[in-house]
Every structure is written in structure tokens, then in C-alpha cells.
ModelCIF file with pLDDT and N, C-alpha, C, O atoms, coordinates in Angstrom:
data_MODEL
#
_entry.id   MODEL 
#
_entity.id                         1 
_entity.type                       polymer 
_entity.pdbx_number_of_molecules   1 
#
_entity_poly.entity_id                      1 
_entity_poly.type                           'polypeptide(L)' 
_entity_poly.nstd_linkage                   no 
_entity_poly.nstd_monomer                   no 
_entity_poly.pdbx_seq_one_letter_code       MSTPPGSPQVWLEIVQIALDLLAWMPMLALTGKARLWEPRRLRFRLF 
_entity_poly.pdbx_seq_one_letter_code_can   MSTPPGSPQVWLEIVQIALDLLAWMPMLALTGKARLWEPRRLRFRLF 
_entity_poly.pdbx_strand_id                 A 
#
loop_
_entity_poly_seq.entity_id 
_entity_poly_seq.num 
_entity_poly_seq.mon_id 
_entity_poly_seq.hetero 
1 1  MET n 
1 2  SER n 
1 3  THR n 
1 4  PRO n 
1 5  PRO n 
1 6  GLY n 
1 7  SER n 
1 8  PRO n 
1 9  GLN n 
1 10 VAL n 
1 11 TRP n 
1 12 LEU n 
1 13 GLU n 
1 14 ILE n 
1 15 VAL n 
1 16 GLN n 
1 17 ILE n 
1 18 ALA n 
1 19 LEU n 
1 20 ASP n 
1 21 LEU n 
1 22 LEU n 
1 23 ALA n 
1 24 TRP n 
1 25 MET n 
1 26 PRO n 
1 27 MET n 
1 28 LEU n 
1 29 ALA n 
1 30 LEU n 
1 31 THR n 
1 32 GLY n 
1 33 LYS n 
1 34 ALA n 
1 35 ARG n 
1 36 LEU n 
1 37 TRP n 
1 38 GLU n 
1 39 PRO n 
1 40 ARG n 
1 41 ARG n 
1 42 LEU n 
1 43 ARG n 
1 44 PHE n 
1 45 ARG n 
1 46 LEU n 
1 47 PHE n 
#
_struct_asym.id          A 
_struct_asym.entity_id   1 
#
loop_
_ma_qa_metric.id 
_ma_qa_metric.mode 
_ma_qa_metric.name 
_ma_qa_metric.software_group_id 
_ma_qa_metric.type 
1 global pLDDT . pLDDT 
2 local  pLDDT . pLDDT 
#
_ma_qa_metric_global.metric_id      1 
_ma_qa_metric_global.metric_value   85.96 
_ma_qa_metric_global.model_id       1 
_ma_qa_metric_global.ordinal_id     1 
#
loop_
_ma_qa_metric_local.label_asym_id 
_ma_qa_metric_local.label_comp_id 
_ma_qa_metric_local.label_seq_id 
_ma_qa_metric_local.metric_id 
_ma_qa_metric_local.metric_value 
_ma_qa_metric_local.model_id 
_ma_qa_metric_local.ordinal_id 
A MET 1  2 52.00 1 1  
A SER 2  2 64.00 1 2  
A THR 3  2 60.00 1 3  
A PRO 4  2 66.00 1 4  
A PRO 5  2 65.00 1 5  
A GLY 6  2 66.00 1 6  
A SER 7  2 79.00 1 7  
A PRO 8  2 86.00 1 8  
A GLN 9  2 89.00 1 9  
A VAL 10 2 89.00 1 10 
A TRP 11 2 90.00 1 11 
A LEU 12 2 92.00 1 12 
A GLU 13 2 92.00 1 13 
A ILE 14 2 92.00 1 14 
A VAL 15 2 91.00 1 15 
A GLN 16 2 94.00 1 16 
A ILE 17 2 93.00 1 17 
A ALA 18 2 89.00 1 18 
A LEU 19 2 88.00 1 19 
A ASP 20 2 91.00 1 20 
A LEU 21 2 87.00 1 21 
A LEU 22 2 85.00 1 22 
A ALA 23 2 87.00 1 23 
A TRP 24 2 89.00 1 24 
A MET 25 2 88.00 1 25 
A PRO 26 2 89.00 1 26 
A MET 27 2 90.00 1 27 
A LEU 28 2 91.00 1 28 
A ALA 29 2 93.00 1 29 
A LEU 30 2 93.00 1 30 
A THR 31 2 91.00 1 31 
A GLY 32 2 90.00 1 32 
A LYS 33 2 91.00 1 33 
A ALA 34 2 90.00 1 34 
A ARG 35 2 91.00 1 35 
A LEU 36 2 90.00 1 36 
A TRP 37 2 90.00 1 37 
A GLU 38 2 89.00 1 38 
A PRO 39 2 85.00 1 39 
A ARG 40 2 89.00 1 40 
A ARG 41 2 91.00 1 41 
A LEU 42 2 88.00 1 42 
A ARG 43 2 87.00 1 43 
A PHE 44 2 91.00 1 44 
A ARG 45 2 91.00 1 45 
A LEU 46 2 89.00 1 46 
A PHE 47 2 87.00 1 47 
#
loop_
_atom_site.group_PDB 
_atom_site.id 
_atom_site.type_symbol 
_atom_site.label_atom_id 
_atom_site.label_alt_id 
_atom_site.label_comp_id 
_atom_site.label_asym_id 
_atom_site.label_entity_id 
_atom_site.label_seq_id 
_atom_site.pdbx_PDB_ins_code 
_atom_site.Cartn_x 
_atom_site.Cartn_y 
_atom_site.Cartn_z 
_atom_site.occupancy 
_atom_site.B_iso_or_equiv 
_atom_site.pdbx_formal_charge 
_atom_site.auth_seq_id 
_atom_site.auth_comp_id 
_atom_site.auth_asym_id 
_atom_site.auth_atom_id 
_atom_site.pdbx_PDB_model_num 
ATOM 1   N N  . MET A 1 1  ? 55.032 53.725 -49.986 1.00 52.00 ? 1  MET A N  1 
ATOM 2   C CA . MET A 1 1  ? 53.527 54.528 -49.761 1.00 52.00 ? 1  MET A CA 1 
ATOM 3   C C  . MET A 1 1  ? 53.138 52.805 -48.524 1.00 52.00 ? 1  MET A C  1 
ATOM 4   O O  . MET A 1 1  ? 53.130 51.575 -48.578 1.00 52.00 ? 1  MET A O  1 
ATOM 5   N N  . SER A 1 2  ? 52.795 54.383 -47.223 1.00 64.00 ? 2  SER A N  1 
ATOM 6   C CA . SER A 1 2  ? 51.968 53.466 -46.323 1.00 64.00 ? 2  SER A CA 1 
ATOM 7   C C  . SER A 1 2  ? 50.825 53.180 -46.289 1.00 64.00 ? 2  SER A C  1 
ATOM 8   O O  . SER A 1 2  ? 50.128 53.800 -47.092 1.00 64.00 ? 2  SER A O  1 
ATOM 9   N N  . THR A 1 3  ? 50.300 52.420 -45.625 1.00 60.00 ? 3  THR A N  1 
ATOM 10  C CA . THR A 1 3  ? 48.519 52.005 -45.215 1.00 60.00 ? 3  THR A CA 1 
ATOM 11  C C  . THR A 1 3  ? 48.040 52.557 -44.000 1.00 60.00 ? 3  THR A C  1 
ATOM 12  O O  . THR A 1 3  ? 48.340 52.277 -42.839 1.00 60.00 ? 3  THR A O  1 
ATOM 13  N N  . PRO A 1 4  ? 46.823 53.833 -44.707 1.00 66.00 ? 4  PRO A N  1 
ATOM 14  C CA . PRO A 1 4  ? 46.410 54.161 -44.054 1.00 66.00 ? 4  PRO A CA 1 
ATOM 15  C C  . PRO A 1 4  ? 45.518 53.293 -42.929 1.00 66.00 ? 4  PRO A C  1 
ATOM 16  O O  . PRO A 1 4  ? 44.941 52.277 -43.314 1.00 66.00 ? 4  PRO A O  1 
ATOM 17  N N  . PRO A 1 5  ? 45.406 53.777 -41.335 1.00 65.00 ? 5  PRO A N  1 
ATOM 18  C CA . PRO A 1 5  ? 45.197 52.816 -41.020 1.00 65.00 ? 5  PRO A CA 1 
ATOM 19  C C  . PRO A 1 5  ? 43.192 52.942 -40.865 1.00 65.00 ? 5  PRO A C  1 
ATOM 20  O O  . PRO A 1 5  ? 42.512 53.918 -40.547 1.00 65.00 ? 5  PRO A O  1 
ATOM 21  N N  . GLY A 1 6  ? 42.859 51.852 -41.156 1.00 66.00 ? 6  GLY A N  1 
ATOM 22  C CA . GLY A 1 6  ? 41.503 51.164 -40.480 1.00 66.00 ? 6  GLY A CA 1 
ATOM 23  C C  . GLY A 1 6  ? 41.361 50.937 -41.911 1.00 66.00 ? 6  GLY A C  1 
ATOM 24  O O  . GLY A 1 6  ? 40.275 50.562 -42.352 1.00 66.00 ? 6  GLY A O  1 
ATOM 25  N N  . SER A 1 7  ? 42.565 51.170 -42.833 1.00 79.00 ? 7  SER A N  1 
ATOM 26  C CA . SER A 1 7  ? 42.419 50.510 -44.279 1.00 79.00 ? 7  SER A CA 1 
ATOM 27  C C  . SER A 1 7  ? 42.300 48.683 -43.989 1.00 79.00 ? 7  SER A C  1 
ATOM 28  O O  . SER A 1 7  ? 42.803 47.972 -43.120 1.00 79.00 ? 7  SER A O  1 
ATOM 29  N N  . PRO A 1 8  ? 41.057 48.263 -45.596 1.00 86.00 ? 8  PRO A N  1 
ATOM 30  C CA . PRO A 1 8  ? 41.074 46.938 -45.333 1.00 86.00 ? 8  PRO A CA 1 
ATOM 31  C C  . PRO A 1 8  ? 42.096 45.844 -45.834 1.00 86.00 ? 8  PRO A C  1 
ATOM 32  O O  . PRO A 1 8  ? 42.045 44.627 -46.012 1.00 86.00 ? 8  PRO A O  1 
ATOM 33  N N  . GLN A 1 9  ? 42.913 46.693 -45.960 1.00 89.00 ? 9  GLN A N  1 
ATOM 34  C CA . GLN A 1 9  ? 44.284 45.828 -46.235 1.00 89.00 ? 9  GLN A CA 1 
ATOM 35  C C  . GLN A 1 9  ? 45.570 46.306 -44.941 1.00 89.00 ? 9  GLN A C  1 
ATOM 36  O O  . GLN A 1 9  ? 46.755 46.448 -45.240 1.00 89.00 ? 9  GLN A O  1 
ATOM 37  N N  . VAL A 1 10 ? 44.983 46.513 -43.410 1.00 89.00 ? 10 VAL A N  1 
ATOM 38  C CA . VAL A 1 10 ? 45.449 45.880 -42.474 1.00 89.00 ? 10 VAL A CA 1 
ATOM 39  C C  . VAL A 1 10 ? 44.081 45.384 -41.732 1.00 89.00 ? 10 VAL A C  1 
ATOM 40  O O  . VAL A 1 10 ? 44.334 44.304 -41.198 1.00 89.00 ? 10 VAL A O  1 
ATOM 41  N N  . TRP A 1 11 ? 43.056 45.674 -41.556 1.00 90.00 ? 11 TRP A N  1 
ATOM 42  C CA . TRP A 1 11 ? 42.326 44.584 -41.062 1.00 90.00 ? 11 TRP A CA 1 
ATOM 43  C C  . TRP A 1 11 ? 42.711 42.952 -41.889 1.00 90.00 ? 11 TRP A C  1 
ATOM 44  O O  . TRP A 1 11 ? 42.841 42.070 -41.041 1.00 90.00 ? 11 TRP A O  1 
ATOM 45  N N  . LEU A 1 12 ? 42.851 42.585 -42.953 1.00 92.00 ? 12 LEU A N  1 
ATOM 46  C CA . LEU A 1 12 ? 42.971 41.602 -43.529 1.00 92.00 ? 12 LEU A CA 1 
ATOM 47  C C  . LEU A 1 12 ? 44.857 41.186 -43.172 1.00 92.00 ? 12 LEU A C  1 
ATOM 48  O O  . LEU A 1 12 ? 45.435 40.109 -43.024 1.00 92.00 ? 12 LEU A O  1 
ATOM 49  N N  . GLU A 1 13 ? 45.272 42.430 -43.147 1.00 92.00 ? 13 GLU A N  1 
ATOM 50  C CA . GLU A 1 13 ? 46.878 41.161 -41.945 1.00 92.00 ? 13 GLU A CA 1 
ATOM 51  C C  . GLU A 1 13 ? 46.007 41.086 -40.787 1.00 92.00 ? 13 GLU A C  1 
ATOM 52  O O  . GLU A 1 13 ? 45.616 39.937 -40.586 1.00 92.00 ? 13 GLU A O  1 
ATOM 53  N N  . ILE A 1 14 ? 45.626 41.859 -40.048 1.00 92.00 ? 14 ILE A N  1 
ATOM 54  C CA . ILE A 1 14 ? 45.053 40.766 -38.181 1.00 92.00 ? 14 ILE A CA 1 
ATOM 55  C C  . ILE A 1 14 ? 44.588 39.976 -38.463 1.00 92.00 ? 14 ILE A C  1 
ATOM 56  O O  . ILE A 1 14 ? 44.978 38.913 -37.978 1.00 92.00 ? 14 ILE A O  1 
ATOM 57  N N  . VAL A 1 15 ? 43.293 39.954 -39.560 1.00 91.00 ? 15 VAL A N  1 
ATOM 58  C CA . VAL A 1 15 ? 42.673 38.379 -39.642 1.00 91.00 ? 15 VAL A CA 1 
ATOM 59  C C  . VAL A 1 15 ? 44.009 37.537 -40.277 1.00 91.00 ? 15 VAL A C  1 
ATOM 60  O O  . VAL A 1 15 ? 44.038 36.315 -40.132 1.00 91.00 ? 15 VAL A O  1 
ATOM 61  N N  . GLN A 1 16 ? 44.777 38.024 -40.771 1.00 94.00 ? 16 GLN A N  1 
ATOM 62  C CA . GLN A 1 16 ? 45.788 36.424 -41.106 1.00 94.00 ? 16 GLN A CA 1 
ATOM 63  C C  . GLN A 1 16 ? 46.596 36.318 -39.643 1.00 94.00 ? 16 GLN A C  1 
ATOM 64  O O  . GLN A 1 16 ? 46.614 35.289 -38.967 1.00 94.00 ? 16 GLN A O  1 
ATOM 65  N N  . ILE A 1 17 ? 47.048 37.168 -39.394 1.00 93.00 ? 17 ILE A N  1 
ATOM 66  C CA . ILE A 1 17 ? 47.423 36.524 -38.153 1.00 93.00 ? 17 ILE A CA 1 
ATOM 67  C C  . ILE A 1 17 ? 47.437 35.318 -37.234 1.00 93.00 ? 17 ILE A C  1 
ATOM 68  O O  . ILE A 1 17 ? 48.147 34.391 -36.845 1.00 93.00 ? 17 ILE A O  1 
ATOM 69  N N  . ALA A 1 18 ? 45.953 36.002 -37.086 1.00 89.00 ? 18 ALA A N  1 
ATOM 70  C CA . ALA A 1 18 ? 45.140 35.451 -36.302 1.00 89.00 ? 18 ALA A CA 1 
ATOM 71  C C  . ALA A 1 18 ? 45.072 34.472 -36.467 1.00 89.00 ? 18 ALA A C  1 
ATOM 72  O O  . ALA A 1 18 ? 45.403 33.779 -35.505 1.00 89.00 ? 18 ALA A O  1 
ATOM 73  N N  . LEU A 1 19 ? 44.617 33.729 -37.745 1.00 88.00 ? 19 LEU A N  1 
ATOM 74  C CA . LEU A 1 19 ? 44.653 32.587 -37.892 1.00 88.00 ? 19 LEU A CA 1 
ATOM 75  C C  . LEU A 1 19 ? 45.556 31.786 -37.661 1.00 88.00 ? 19 LEU A C  1 
ATOM 76  O O  . LEU A 1 19 ? 45.621 30.786 -36.946 1.00 88.00 ? 19 LEU A O  1 
ATOM 77  N N  . ASP A 1 20 ? 46.726 32.634 -38.759 1.00 91.00 ? 20 ASP A N  1 
ATOM 78  C CA . ASP A 1 20 ? 47.978 32.024 -38.564 1.00 91.00 ? 20 ASP A CA 1 
ATOM 79  C C  . ASP A 1 20 ? 48.038 31.136 -36.496 1.00 91.00 ? 20 ASP A C  1 
ATOM 80  O O  . ASP A 1 20 ? 48.308 29.987 -36.145 1.00 91.00 ? 20 ASP A O  1 
ATOM 81  N N  . LEU A 1 21 ? 47.687 32.255 -35.763 1.00 87.00 ? 21 LEU A N  1 
ATOM 82  C CA . LEU A 1 21 ? 48.275 31.290 -34.681 1.00 87.00 ? 21 LEU A CA 1 
ATOM 83  C C  . LEU A 1 21 ? 46.910 30.680 -34.068 1.00 87.00 ? 21 LEU A C  1 
ATOM 84  O O  . LEU A 1 21 ? 46.870 30.147 -32.958 1.00 87.00 ? 21 LEU A O  1 
ATOM 85  N N  . LEU A 1 22 ? 46.197 30.770 -34.616 1.00 85.00 ? 22 LEU A N  1 
ATOM 86  C CA . LEU A 1 22 ? 45.051 29.843 -34.347 1.00 85.00 ? 22 LEU A CA 1 
ATOM 87  C C  . LEU A 1 22 ? 45.716 28.511 -34.548 1.00 85.00 ? 22 LEU A C  1 
ATOM 88  O O  . LEU A 1 22 ? 45.886 27.654 -33.681 1.00 85.00 ? 22 LEU A O  1 
ATOM 89  N N  . ALA A 1 23 ? 46.168 28.439 -36.169 1.00 87.00 ? 23 ALA A N  1 
ATOM 90  C CA . ALA A 1 23 ? 47.358 26.643 -36.707 1.00 87.00 ? 23 ALA A CA 1 
ATOM 91  C C  . ALA A 1 23 ? 47.788 26.915 -35.682 1.00 87.00 ? 23 ALA A C  1 
ATOM 92  O O  . ALA A 1 23 ? 46.915 26.688 -34.844 1.00 87.00 ? 23 ALA A O  1 
ATOM 93  N N  . TRP A 1 24 ? 48.844 27.363 -35.144 1.00 89.00 ? 24 TRP A N  1 
ATOM 94  C CA . TRP A 1 24 ? 50.229 26.508 -34.613 1.00 89.00 ? 24 TRP A CA 1 
ATOM 95  C C  . TRP A 1 24 ? 49.741 26.408 -33.196 1.00 89.00 ? 24 TRP A C  1 
ATOM 96  O O  . TRP A 1 24 ? 49.860 25.411 -32.485 1.00 89.00 ? 24 TRP A O  1 
ATOM 97  N N  . MET A 1 25 ? 49.010 27.888 -32.759 1.00 88.00 ? 25 MET A N  1 
ATOM 98  C CA . MET A 1 25 ? 48.888 27.433 -31.129 1.00 88.00 ? 25 MET A CA 1 
ATOM 99  C C  . MET A 1 25 ? 48.882 25.311 -30.367 1.00 88.00 ? 25 MET A C  1 
ATOM 100 O O  . MET A 1 25 ? 49.396 24.612 -29.494 1.00 88.00 ? 25 MET A O  1 
ATOM 101 N N  . PRO A 1 26 ? 47.706 25.230 -31.758 1.00 89.00 ? 26 PRO A N  1 
ATOM 102 C CA . PRO A 1 26 ? 47.552 23.312 -31.176 1.00 89.00 ? 26 PRO A CA 1 
ATOM 103 C C  . PRO A 1 26 ? 48.807 22.946 -31.148 1.00 89.00 ? 26 PRO A C  1 
ATOM 104 O O  . PRO A 1 26 ? 49.257 22.548 -30.073 1.00 89.00 ? 26 PRO A O  1 
ATOM 105 N N  . MET A 1 27 ? 49.431 22.982 -32.003 1.00 90.00 ? 27 MET A N  1 
ATOM 106 C CA . MET A 1 27 ? 51.322 22.284 -32.772 1.00 90.00 ? 27 MET A CA 1 
ATOM 107 C C  . MET A 1 27 ? 51.890 22.666 -30.999 1.00 90.00 ? 27 MET A C  1 
ATOM 108 O O  . MET A 1 27 ? 52.385 21.904 -30.168 1.00 90.00 ? 27 MET A O  1 
ATOM 109 N N  . LEU A 1 28 ? 51.638 23.809 -30.927 1.00 91.00 ? 28 LEU A N  1 
ATOM 110 C CA . LEU A 1 28 ? 52.607 23.723 -29.786 1.00 91.00 ? 28 LEU A CA 1 
ATOM 111 C C  . LEU A 1 28 ? 52.424 24.361 -27.999 1.00 91.00 ? 28 LEU A C  1 
ATOM 112 O O  . LEU A 1 28 ? 53.154 24.979 -27.224 1.00 91.00 ? 28 LEU A O  1 
ATOM 113 N N  . ALA A 1 29 ? 51.253 23.885 -27.959 1.00 93.00 ? 29 ALA A N  1 
ATOM 114 C CA . ALA A 1 29 ? 50.710 24.158 -26.761 1.00 93.00 ? 29 ALA A CA 1 
ATOM 115 C C  . ALA A 1 29 ? 50.033 23.130 -26.107 1.00 93.00 ? 29 ALA A C  1 
ATOM 116 O O  . ALA A 1 29 ? 49.972 22.883 -24.902 1.00 93.00 ? 29 ALA A O  1 
ATOM 117 N N  . LEU A 1 30 ? 49.383 22.396 -27.350 1.00 93.00 ? 30 LEU A N  1 
ATOM 118 C CA . LEU A 1 30 ? 47.713 21.545 -26.540 1.00 93.00 ? 30 LEU A CA 1 
ATOM 119 C C  . LEU A 1 30 ? 49.098 19.930 -26.867 1.00 93.00 ? 30 LEU A C  1 
ATOM 120 O O  . LEU A 1 30 ? 50.022 19.890 -27.680 1.00 93.00 ? 30 LEU A O  1 
ATOM 121 N N  . THR A 1 31 ? 48.572 18.681 -25.674 1.00 91.00 ? 31 THR A N  1 
ATOM 122 C CA . THR A 1 31 ? 48.352 17.431 -26.316 1.00 91.00 ? 31 THR A CA 1 
ATOM 123 C C  . THR A 1 31 ? 47.592 17.109 -25.806 1.00 91.00 ? 31 THR A C  1 
ATOM 124 O O  . THR A 1 31 ? 46.915 17.652 -24.934 1.00 91.00 ? 31 THR A O  1 
ATOM 125 N N  . GLY A 1 32 ? 47.527 15.569 -26.523 1.00 90.00 ? 32 GLY A N  1 
ATOM 126 C CA . GLY A 1 32 ? 46.623 14.453 -26.522 1.00 90.00 ? 32 GLY A CA 1 
ATOM 127 C C  . GLY A 1 32 ? 45.428 14.263 -27.643 1.00 90.00 ? 32 GLY A C  1 
ATOM 128 O O  . GLY A 1 32 ? 45.356 13.628 -28.695 1.00 90.00 ? 32 GLY A O  1 
ATOM 129 N N  . LYS A 1 33 ? 44.803 14.854 -27.138 1.00 91.00 ? 33 LYS A N  1 
ATOM 130 C CA . LYS A 1 33 ? 43.188 14.917 -28.420 1.00 91.00 ? 33 LYS A CA 1 
ATOM 131 C C  . LYS A 1 33 ? 43.070 16.822 -28.325 1.00 91.00 ? 33 LYS A C  1 
ATOM 132 O O  . LYS A 1 33 ? 42.934 17.434 -29.384 1.00 91.00 ? 33 LYS A O  1 
ATOM 133 N N  . ALA A 1 34 ? 43.115 17.322 -27.459 1.00 90.00 ? 34 ALA A N  1 
ATOM 134 C CA . ALA A 1 34 ? 43.305 19.029 -27.180 1.00 90.00 ? 34 ALA A CA 1 
ATOM 135 C C  . ALA A 1 34 ? 43.803 18.807 -28.267 1.00 90.00 ? 34 ALA A C  1 
ATOM 136 O O  . ALA A 1 34 ? 42.987 19.120 -29.135 1.00 90.00 ? 34 ALA A O  1 
ATOM 137 N N  . ARG A 1 35 ? 44.961 18.328 -28.800 1.00 91.00 ? 35 ARG A N  1 
ATOM 138 C CA . ARG A 1 35 ? 45.687 19.239 -29.868 1.00 91.00 ? 35 ARG A CA 1 
ATOM 139 C C  . ARG A 1 35 ? 44.613 18.573 -31.616 1.00 91.00 ? 35 ARG A C  1 
ATOM 140 O O  . ARG A 1 35 ? 44.982 18.449 -32.783 1.00 91.00 ? 35 ARG A O  1 
ATOM 141 N N  . LEU A 1 36 ? 43.718 18.401 -31.157 1.00 90.00 ? 36 LEU A N  1 
ATOM 142 C CA . LEU A 1 36 ? 43.092 18.024 -32.572 1.00 90.00 ? 36 LEU A CA 1 
ATOM 143 C C  . LEU A 1 36 ? 41.644 18.495 -32.774 1.00 90.00 ? 36 LEU A C  1 
ATOM 144 O O  . LEU A 1 36 ? 40.837 18.232 -33.665 1.00 90.00 ? 36 LEU A O  1 
ATOM 145 N N  . TRP A 1 37 ? 41.557 19.263 -31.691 1.00 90.00 ? 37 TRP A N  1 
ATOM 146 C CA . TRP A 1 37 ? 39.898 20.366 -31.656 1.00 90.00 ? 37 TRP A CA 1 
ATOM 147 C C  . TRP A 1 37 ? 40.104 21.338 -33.120 1.00 90.00 ? 37 TRP A C  1 
ATOM 148 O O  . TRP A 1 37 ? 41.145 21.955 -33.351 1.00 90.00 ? 37 TRP A O  1 
ATOM 149 N N  . GLU A 1 38 ? 39.133 21.334 -33.857 1.00 89.00 ? 38 GLU A N  1 
ATOM 150 C CA . GLU A 1 38 ? 38.860 21.937 -34.532 1.00 89.00 ? 38 GLU A CA 1 
ATOM 151 C C  . GLU A 1 38 ? 38.341 23.600 -33.829 1.00 89.00 ? 38 GLU A C  1 
ATOM 152 O O  . GLU A 1 38 ? 37.563 23.880 -32.916 1.00 89.00 ? 38 GLU A O  1 
ATOM 153 N N  . PRO A 1 39 ? 39.017 24.285 -34.563 1.00 85.00 ? 39 PRO A N  1 
ATOM 154 C CA . PRO A 1 39 ? 38.908 25.976 -34.330 1.00 85.00 ? 39 PRO A CA 1 
ATOM 155 C C  . PRO A 1 39 ? 37.354 26.428 -34.236 1.00 85.00 ? 39 PRO A C  1 
ATOM 156 O O  . PRO A 1 39 ? 36.788 27.516 -34.130 1.00 85.00 ? 39 PRO A O  1 
ATOM 157 N N  . ARG A 1 40 ? 36.989 25.257 -34.311 1.00 89.00 ? 40 ARG A N  1 
ATOM 158 C CA . ARG A 1 40 ? 35.472 25.849 -33.644 1.00 89.00 ? 40 ARG A CA 1 
ATOM 159 C C  . ARG A 1 40 ? 35.100 25.472 -32.179 1.00 89.00 ? 40 ARG A C  1 
ATOM 160 O O  . ARG A 1 40 ? 34.356 26.009 -31.359 1.00 89.00 ? 40 ARG A O  1 
ATOM 161 N N  . ARG A 1 41 ? 35.802 24.473 -32.147 1.00 91.00 ? 41 ARG A N  1 
ATOM 162 C CA . ARG A 1 41 ? 35.821 23.751 -30.267 1.00 91.00 ? 41 ARG A CA 1 
ATOM 163 C C  . ARG A 1 41 ? 36.752 24.513 -29.149 1.00 91.00 ? 41 ARG A C  1 
ATOM 164 O O  . ARG A 1 41 ? 36.557 24.860 -27.984 1.00 91.00 ? 41 ARG A O  1 
ATOM 165 N N  . LEU A 1 42 ? 38.119 24.629 -30.274 1.00 88.00 ? 42 LEU A N  1 
ATOM 166 C CA . LEU A 1 42 ? 39.049 25.815 -29.983 1.00 88.00 ? 42 LEU A CA 1 
ATOM 167 C C  . LEU A 1 42 ? 38.741 27.022 -28.952 1.00 88.00 ? 42 LEU A C  1 
ATOM 168 O O  . LEU A 1 42 ? 39.226 27.213 -27.837 1.00 88.00 ? 42 LEU A O  1 
ATOM 169 N N  . ARG A 1 43 ? 37.273 28.178 -30.052 1.00 87.00 ? 43 ARG A N  1 
ATOM 170 C CA . ARG A 1 43 ? 37.421 29.052 -29.552 1.00 87.00 ? 43 ARG A CA 1 
ATOM 171 C C  . ARG A 1 43 ? 36.454 28.884 -28.358 1.00 87.00 ? 43 ARG A C  1 
ATOM 172 O O  . ARG A 1 43 ? 36.598 29.508 -27.307 1.00 87.00 ? 43 ARG A O  1 
ATOM 173 N N  . PHE A 1 44 ? 35.289 27.850 -28.627 1.00 91.00 ? 44 PHE A N  1 
ATOM 174 C CA . PHE A 1 44 ? 34.382 26.848 -26.798 1.00 91.00 ? 44 PHE A CA 1 
ATOM 175 C C  . PHE A 1 44 ? 34.784 27.720 -25.927 1.00 91.00 ? 44 PHE A C  1 
ATOM 176 O O  . PHE A 1 44 ? 34.599 28.834 -25.437 1.00 91.00 ? 44 PHE A O  1 
ATOM 177 N N  . ARG A 1 45 ? 35.831 26.137 -25.931 1.00 91.00 ? 45 ARG A N  1 
ATOM 178 C CA . ARG A 1 45 ? 36.915 25.683 -24.790 1.00 91.00 ? 45 ARG A CA 1 
ATOM 179 C C  . ARG A 1 45 ? 37.812 26.160 -23.971 1.00 91.00 ? 45 ARG A C  1 
ATOM 180 O O  . ARG A 1 45 ? 38.129 26.024 -22.790 1.00 91.00 ? 45 ARG A O  1 
ATOM 181 N N  . LEU A 1 46 ? 38.324 27.074 -25.390 1.00 89.00 ? 46 LEU A N  1 
ATOM 182 C CA . LEU A 1 46 ? 39.649 27.459 -24.347 1.00 89.00 ? 46 LEU A CA 1 
ATOM 183 C C  . LEU A 1 46 ? 39.510 28.712 -24.489 1.00 89.00 ? 46 LEU A C  1 
ATOM 184 O O  . LEU A 1 46 ? 39.966 29.247 -23.479 1.00 89.00 ? 46 LEU A O  1 
ATOM 185 N N  . PHE A 1 47 ? 38.890 29.920 -25.638 1.00 87.00 ? 47 PHE A N  1 
ATOM 186 C CA . PHE A 1 47 ? 39.677 30.868 -25.884 1.00 87.00 ? 47 PHE A CA 1 
ATOM 187 C C  . PHE A 1 47 ? 38.031 32.296 -24.843 1.00 87.00 ? 47 PHE A C  1 
ATOM 188 O O  . PHE A 1 47 ? 38.231 33.507 -24.756 1.00 87.00 ? 47 PHE A O  1 
#
């Protein structure tokens, strides 16, 4: 059964993917002290 567009489950999956990217990006791309920045600091400084 397919989930209709705009359903809460679709948005939950989108948010989950975004959180996974936010968790993996510092480990893969950042170095030094920037690797230890918390999500709020990442959003302000990088995004």
C-alpha cells in the first residue's frame, strides 16, 4: 500500500533523513574543532 503525498509518515521520513545527514556530515566532512560543533552551531555557522 502506497503512502499518499503529504502524509505525516512521509514528513517523518524526510526529517529522519535530514537528521541522519546532520549527524554524518561532521564526521565525513569537517576537521578539528568544527567536527565537535553541536547541531545548533552547525546551523548557524555553516547552513
